[in-house]
Amino acid sequence: MTDLAETFFNENEFGEIVTLTRGGENYEIKGLYDSPEVPSESVGDVGAIAHVHRLFVRVSDLPESKPRKNDVFTLGSTPFHSSVKLSAIDFVSEKDGVVVYRLKETK
C-alpha cells in the first residue's frame, strides 16, 4: 500500500501563512487553523462543548524544530476567519512530524 499522507496533507495546497513570534523574532510558517465553532452554552436541551483554537504545523518549520508553550501566532484574515492573535496553551507532537497547538486569544 502506498503512503497517502501527501494526498491528504499537502502543505503546498492547504493551509495558510501564519507568523510565529518567539523571543522577539518573527517566523513565517504554514499551518492549518481550526477555530471554535460552538460557544460553551446549551443548544436546545443539549449542552454544547466548545473546541479550543488549534493550529497544525510541521515540526520542521519551527525554530530549532521545537514547539513551545506561549508561542504566539498571528493569523491574517481569510474567507474562513478574521485576523487573530493566539498564544499556545499546550501542544501535542504527533508521530507524523506534525505539531498540534492548543491556543487562546491574546493581545
N, C-alpha and C. Protein backbone atom coordinates (compact mmCIF):
# COMPACT_ATOMS: atom_id res chain seq x y z
N MET A 1 0.84 -1.18 0.00
CA MET A 1 0.00 0.00 0.00
C MET A 1 0.88 1.24 0.00
N THR A 2 0.54 2.22 -0.79
CA THR A 2 1.33 3.45 -0.86
C THR A 2 0.93 4.41 0.24
N ASP A 3 1.86 5.27 0.60
CA ASP A 3 1.60 6.28 1.64
C ASP A 3 0.72 7.37 1.04
N LEU A 4 -0.44 7.60 1.63
CA LEU A 4 -1.38 8.59 1.12
C LEU A 4 -1.29 9.92 1.86
N ALA A 5 -0.34 10.06 2.77
CA ALA A 5 -0.23 11.29 3.57
C ALA A 5 -0.11 12.52 2.67
N GLU A 6 0.67 12.41 1.62
CA GLU A 6 0.88 13.56 0.73
C GLU A 6 -0.41 13.92 0.00
N THR A 7 -1.28 12.95 -0.21
CA THR A 7 -2.55 13.20 -0.88
C THR A 7 -3.49 14.02 0.00
N PHE A 8 -3.49 13.73 1.29
CA PHE A 8 -4.44 14.36 2.19
C PHE A 8 -3.89 15.57 2.93
N PHE A 9 -2.58 15.64 3.11
CA PHE A 9 -1.99 16.78 3.81
C PHE A 9 -0.79 17.28 3.02
N ASN A 10 -1.08 18.03 2.00
CA ASN A 10 -0.03 18.63 1.19
C ASN A 10 0.01 20.11 1.55
N GLU A 11 1.04 20.50 2.30
CA GLU A 11 1.10 21.88 2.80
C GLU A 11 1.25 22.90 1.69
N ASN A 12 1.59 22.46 0.47
CA ASN A 12 1.65 23.38 -0.65
C ASN A 12 0.27 23.70 -1.20
N GLU A 13 -0.71 22.87 -0.89
CA GLU A 13 -2.07 23.08 -1.37
C GLU A 13 -3.02 23.56 -0.28
N PHE A 14 -2.77 23.19 0.96
CA PHE A 14 -3.66 23.54 2.06
C PHE A 14 -2.92 24.42 3.06
N GLY A 15 -3.69 25.04 3.92
CA GLY A 15 -3.08 25.83 4.98
C GLY A 15 -2.97 27.30 4.61
N GLU A 16 -2.37 28.03 5.52
CA GLU A 16 -2.19 29.46 5.33
C GLU A 16 -0.88 29.87 6.00
N ILE A 17 -0.36 31.00 5.58
CA ILE A 17 0.85 31.54 6.20
C ILE A 17 0.46 32.17 7.53
N VAL A 18 1.15 31.77 8.59
CA VAL A 18 0.96 32.36 9.91
C VAL A 18 2.31 32.89 10.39
N THR A 19 2.27 33.88 11.25
CA THR A 19 3.50 34.44 11.80
C THR A 19 3.67 33.96 13.23
N LEU A 20 4.77 33.26 13.47
CA LEU A 20 5.13 32.82 14.81
C LEU A 20 6.07 33.85 15.40
N THR A 21 5.76 34.34 16.61
CA THR A 21 6.65 35.25 17.32
C THR A 21 7.20 34.51 18.53
N ARG A 22 8.53 34.44 18.57
CA ARG A 22 9.21 33.74 19.67
C ARG A 22 10.51 34.48 19.96
N GLY A 23 10.69 34.87 21.22
CA GLY A 23 11.93 35.54 21.62
C GLY A 23 12.20 36.82 20.85
N GLY A 24 11.15 37.55 20.50
CA GLY A 24 11.32 38.80 19.78
C GLY A 24 11.56 38.64 18.28
N GLU A 25 11.63 37.42 17.80
CA GLU A 25 11.83 37.14 16.37
C GLU A 25 10.52 36.68 15.75
N ASN A 26 10.30 37.05 14.48
CA ASN A 26 9.12 36.61 13.74
C ASN A 26 9.53 35.59 12.69
N TYR A 27 8.72 34.54 12.56
CA TYR A 27 8.95 33.48 11.58
C TYR A 27 7.65 33.25 10.82
N GLU A 28 7.70 33.22 9.51
CA GLU A 28 6.53 32.89 8.72
C GLU A 28 6.55 31.40 8.42
N ILE A 29 5.47 30.71 8.81
CA ILE A 29 5.36 29.28 8.56
C ILE A 29 3.96 28.99 8.04
N LYS A 30 3.77 27.81 7.53
CA LYS A 30 2.46 27.42 7.01
C LYS A 30 1.77 26.51 8.02
N GLY A 31 0.47 26.71 8.19
CA GLY A 31 -0.28 25.89 9.13
C GLY A 31 -1.73 25.75 8.74
N LEU A 32 -2.39 24.81 9.37
CA LEU A 32 -3.82 24.61 9.22
C LEU A 32 -4.49 25.04 10.52
N TYR A 33 -5.39 26.02 10.43
CA TYR A 33 -6.04 26.59 11.61
C TYR A 33 -7.45 26.03 11.75
N ASP A 34 -7.81 25.68 12.98
CA ASP A 34 -9.15 25.19 13.30
C ASP A 34 -9.69 26.05 14.43
N SER A 35 -10.76 26.78 14.16
CA SER A 35 -11.31 27.68 15.17
C SER A 35 -12.52 27.04 15.86
N PRO A 36 -12.83 27.53 17.08
CA PRO A 36 -14.02 27.02 17.77
C PRO A 36 -15.26 27.37 16.95
N GLU A 37 -16.20 26.44 16.90
CA GLU A 37 -17.41 26.68 16.12
C GLU A 37 -18.64 26.93 16.99
N VAL A 38 -18.65 26.35 18.18
CA VAL A 38 -19.83 26.42 19.03
C VAL A 38 -19.44 27.02 20.37
N PRO A 39 -20.14 28.06 20.83
CA PRO A 39 -19.83 28.59 22.16
C PRO A 39 -20.18 27.58 23.25
N SER A 40 -19.57 27.74 24.42
CA SER A 40 -19.84 26.83 25.55
C SER A 40 -21.17 27.18 26.20
N GLU A 41 -22.22 26.77 25.59
CA GLU A 41 -23.55 27.01 26.14
C GLU A 41 -24.49 25.95 25.60
N SER A 42 -25.70 25.98 26.07
CA SER A 42 -26.67 24.98 25.63
C SER A 42 -27.19 25.30 24.24
N VAL A 43 -27.41 24.24 23.49
CA VAL A 43 -28.05 24.35 22.19
C VAL A 43 -29.32 23.52 22.31
N GLY A 44 -30.44 24.20 22.52
CA GLY A 44 -31.67 23.48 22.82
C GLY A 44 -31.53 22.82 24.18
N ASP A 45 -31.80 21.54 24.25
CA ASP A 45 -31.68 20.80 25.50
C ASP A 45 -30.33 20.13 25.66
N VAL A 46 -29.46 20.32 24.69
CA VAL A 46 -28.17 19.63 24.70
C VAL A 46 -27.05 20.64 25.00
N GLY A 47 -26.20 20.30 25.94
CA GLY A 47 -25.06 21.16 26.24
C GLY A 47 -23.99 21.02 25.16
N ALA A 48 -23.53 22.12 24.62
CA ALA A 48 -22.51 22.08 23.57
C ALA A 48 -21.12 22.19 24.19
N ILE A 49 -20.18 21.55 23.59
CA ILE A 49 -18.79 21.60 24.06
C ILE A 49 -18.00 22.45 23.07
N ALA A 50 -17.38 23.49 23.56
CA ALA A 50 -16.58 24.35 22.69
C ALA A 50 -15.23 23.72 22.43
N HIS A 51 -14.77 23.84 21.23
CA HIS A 51 -13.42 23.41 20.90
C HIS A 51 -12.49 24.59 21.08
N VAL A 52 -11.27 24.33 21.44
CA VAL A 52 -10.29 25.41 21.54
C VAL A 52 -9.72 25.68 20.16
N HIS A 53 -9.11 26.85 20.01
CA HIS A 53 -8.40 27.14 18.77
C HIS A 53 -7.28 26.12 18.63
N ARG A 54 -7.08 25.61 17.44
CA ARG A 54 -5.98 24.67 17.19
C ARG A 54 -5.24 25.09 15.92
N LEU A 55 -3.95 24.84 15.93
CA LEU A 55 -3.12 25.11 14.75
C LEU A 55 -2.22 23.91 14.54
N PHE A 56 -2.24 23.40 13.32
CA PHE A 56 -1.42 22.25 12.93
C PHE A 56 -0.25 22.77 12.10
N VAL A 57 0.97 22.50 12.52
CA VAL A 57 2.16 22.92 11.78
C VAL A 57 3.16 21.77 11.71
N ARG A 58 4.05 21.84 10.74
CA ARG A 58 5.11 20.84 10.66
C ARG A 58 6.20 21.21 11.66
N VAL A 59 6.64 20.24 12.45
CA VAL A 59 7.68 20.50 13.45
C VAL A 59 8.95 21.02 12.77
N SER A 60 9.23 20.57 11.57
CA SER A 60 10.44 21.00 10.87
C SER A 60 10.39 22.48 10.48
N ASP A 61 9.21 23.10 10.48
CA ASP A 61 9.08 24.52 10.16
C ASP A 61 9.31 25.42 11.37
N LEU A 62 9.33 24.84 12.57
CA LEU A 62 9.51 25.62 13.79
C LEU A 62 10.99 25.92 14.04
N PRO A 63 11.30 27.06 14.67
CA PRO A 63 12.69 27.35 15.03
C PRO A 63 13.25 26.21 15.88
N GLU A 64 14.42 25.73 15.54
CA GLU A 64 15.08 24.62 16.23
C GLU A 64 14.22 23.35 16.22
N SER A 65 13.20 23.31 15.37
CA SER A 65 12.27 22.17 15.27
C SER A 65 11.67 21.80 16.62
N LYS A 66 11.39 22.83 17.44
CA LYS A 66 10.84 22.59 18.78
C LYS A 66 9.63 23.48 19.03
N PRO A 67 8.49 22.88 19.36
CA PRO A 67 7.34 23.68 19.78
C PRO A 67 7.53 24.14 21.22
N ARG A 68 6.90 25.25 21.57
CA ARG A 68 6.99 25.76 22.94
C ARG A 68 5.65 26.32 23.39
N LYS A 69 5.36 26.14 24.67
CA LYS A 69 4.21 26.82 25.25
C LYS A 69 4.49 28.31 25.17
N ASN A 70 3.44 29.09 25.06
CA ASN A 70 3.50 30.55 24.97
C ASN A 70 4.01 31.05 23.63
N ASP A 71 4.23 30.17 22.64
CA ASP A 71 4.48 30.66 21.29
C ASP A 71 3.28 31.50 20.89
N VAL A 72 3.50 32.59 20.16
CA VAL A 72 2.41 33.47 19.74
C VAL A 72 2.30 33.41 18.23
N PHE A 73 1.08 33.18 17.74
CA PHE A 73 0.81 33.09 16.32
C PHE A 73 -0.15 34.20 15.91
N THR A 74 0.16 34.87 14.81
CA THR A 74 -0.72 35.88 14.25
C THR A 74 -1.22 35.36 12.91
N LEU A 75 -2.54 35.34 12.77
CA LEU A 75 -3.16 34.87 11.54
C LEU A 75 -3.87 36.04 10.89
N GLY A 76 -3.69 36.17 9.60
CA GLY A 76 -4.39 37.21 8.85
C GLY A 76 -5.82 36.80 8.55
N SER A 77 -6.60 37.74 8.10
CA SER A 77 -7.99 37.49 7.76
C SER A 77 -8.08 36.64 6.49
N THR A 78 -8.98 35.68 6.49
CA THR A 78 -9.25 34.84 5.32
C THR A 78 -10.76 34.76 5.14
N PRO A 79 -11.23 34.14 4.07
CA PRO A 79 -12.68 33.97 3.93
C PRO A 79 -13.29 33.10 5.04
N PHE A 80 -12.44 32.38 5.79
CA PHE A 80 -12.93 31.46 6.81
C PHE A 80 -12.84 32.01 8.23
N HIS A 81 -12.01 33.02 8.47
CA HIS A 81 -11.87 33.59 9.81
C HIS A 81 -11.30 34.99 9.73
N SER A 82 -11.56 35.79 10.77
CA SER A 82 -10.98 37.13 10.84
C SER A 82 -9.56 37.04 11.38
N SER A 83 -8.82 38.13 11.29
CA SER A 83 -7.45 38.12 11.81
C SER A 83 -7.49 37.92 13.32
N VAL A 84 -6.50 37.21 13.83
CA VAL A 84 -6.50 36.88 15.25
C VAL A 84 -5.06 36.64 15.70
N LYS A 85 -4.81 36.97 16.97
CA LYS A 85 -3.51 36.70 17.60
C LYS A 85 -3.75 35.68 18.71
N LEU A 86 -2.98 34.60 18.68
CA LEU A 86 -3.21 33.47 19.58
C LEU A 86 -1.93 33.07 20.29
N SER A 87 -2.07 32.64 21.54
CA SER A 87 -0.93 32.17 22.34
C SER A 87 -1.10 30.69 22.64
N ALA A 88 0.00 29.94 22.58
CA ALA A 88 -0.04 28.49 22.80
C ALA A 88 -0.26 28.17 24.27
N ILE A 89 -1.31 27.41 24.55
CA ILE A 89 -1.58 26.90 25.89
C ILE A 89 -0.79 25.61 26.09
N ASP A 90 -0.81 24.80 25.05
CA ASP A 90 -0.20 23.48 25.10
C ASP A 90 -0.01 22.99 23.67
N PHE A 91 0.63 21.85 23.52
CA PHE A 91 0.80 21.27 22.19
C PHE A 91 0.99 19.77 22.31
N VAL A 92 0.75 19.10 21.21
CA VAL A 92 0.97 17.66 21.11
C VAL A 92 1.81 17.43 19.86
N SER A 93 2.92 16.72 20.02
CA SER A 93 3.75 16.37 18.88
C SER A 93 3.30 15.01 18.37
N GLU A 94 2.75 14.99 17.18
CA GLU A 94 2.29 13.74 16.58
C GLU A 94 3.48 12.98 16.00
N LYS A 95 3.31 11.70 15.79
CA LYS A 95 4.39 10.86 15.27
C LYS A 95 4.71 11.13 13.81
N ASP A 96 3.80 11.81 13.11
CA ASP A 96 4.00 12.06 11.69
C ASP A 96 4.72 13.37 11.40
N GLY A 97 5.29 14.01 12.43
CA GLY A 97 6.02 15.25 12.23
C GLY A 97 5.17 16.50 12.29
N VAL A 98 3.93 16.35 12.70
CA VAL A 98 3.02 17.49 12.83
C VAL A 98 2.85 17.81 14.31
N VAL A 99 2.83 19.11 14.63
CA VAL A 99 2.56 19.58 15.99
C VAL A 99 1.17 20.20 15.98
N VAL A 100 0.36 19.84 16.97
CA VAL A 100 -0.96 20.43 17.12
C VAL A 100 -0.92 21.33 18.35
N TYR A 101 -1.02 22.63 18.12
CA TYR A 101 -1.04 23.61 19.22
C TYR A 101 -2.48 23.82 19.67
N ARG A 102 -2.70 23.88 20.97
CA ARG A 102 -3.95 24.36 21.56
C ARG A 102 -3.69 25.82 21.90
N LEU A 103 -4.60 26.71 21.51
CA LEU A 103 -4.35 28.15 21.59
C LEU A 103 -5.47 28.90 22.28
N LYS A 104 -5.12 30.10 22.78
CA LYS A 104 -6.12 31.03 23.31
C LYS A 104 -5.84 32.39 22.70
N GLU A 105 -6.90 33.20 22.60
CA GLU A 105 -6.72 34.55 22.06
C GLU A 105 -5.90 35.39 23.02
N THR A 106 -5.08 36.26 22.46
CA THR A 106 -4.21 37.13 23.25
C THR A 106 -4.20 38.52 22.61
N LYS A 107 -3.59 39.46 23.30
CA LYS A 107 -3.49 40.83 22.77
C LYS A 107 -2.12 41.09 22.22
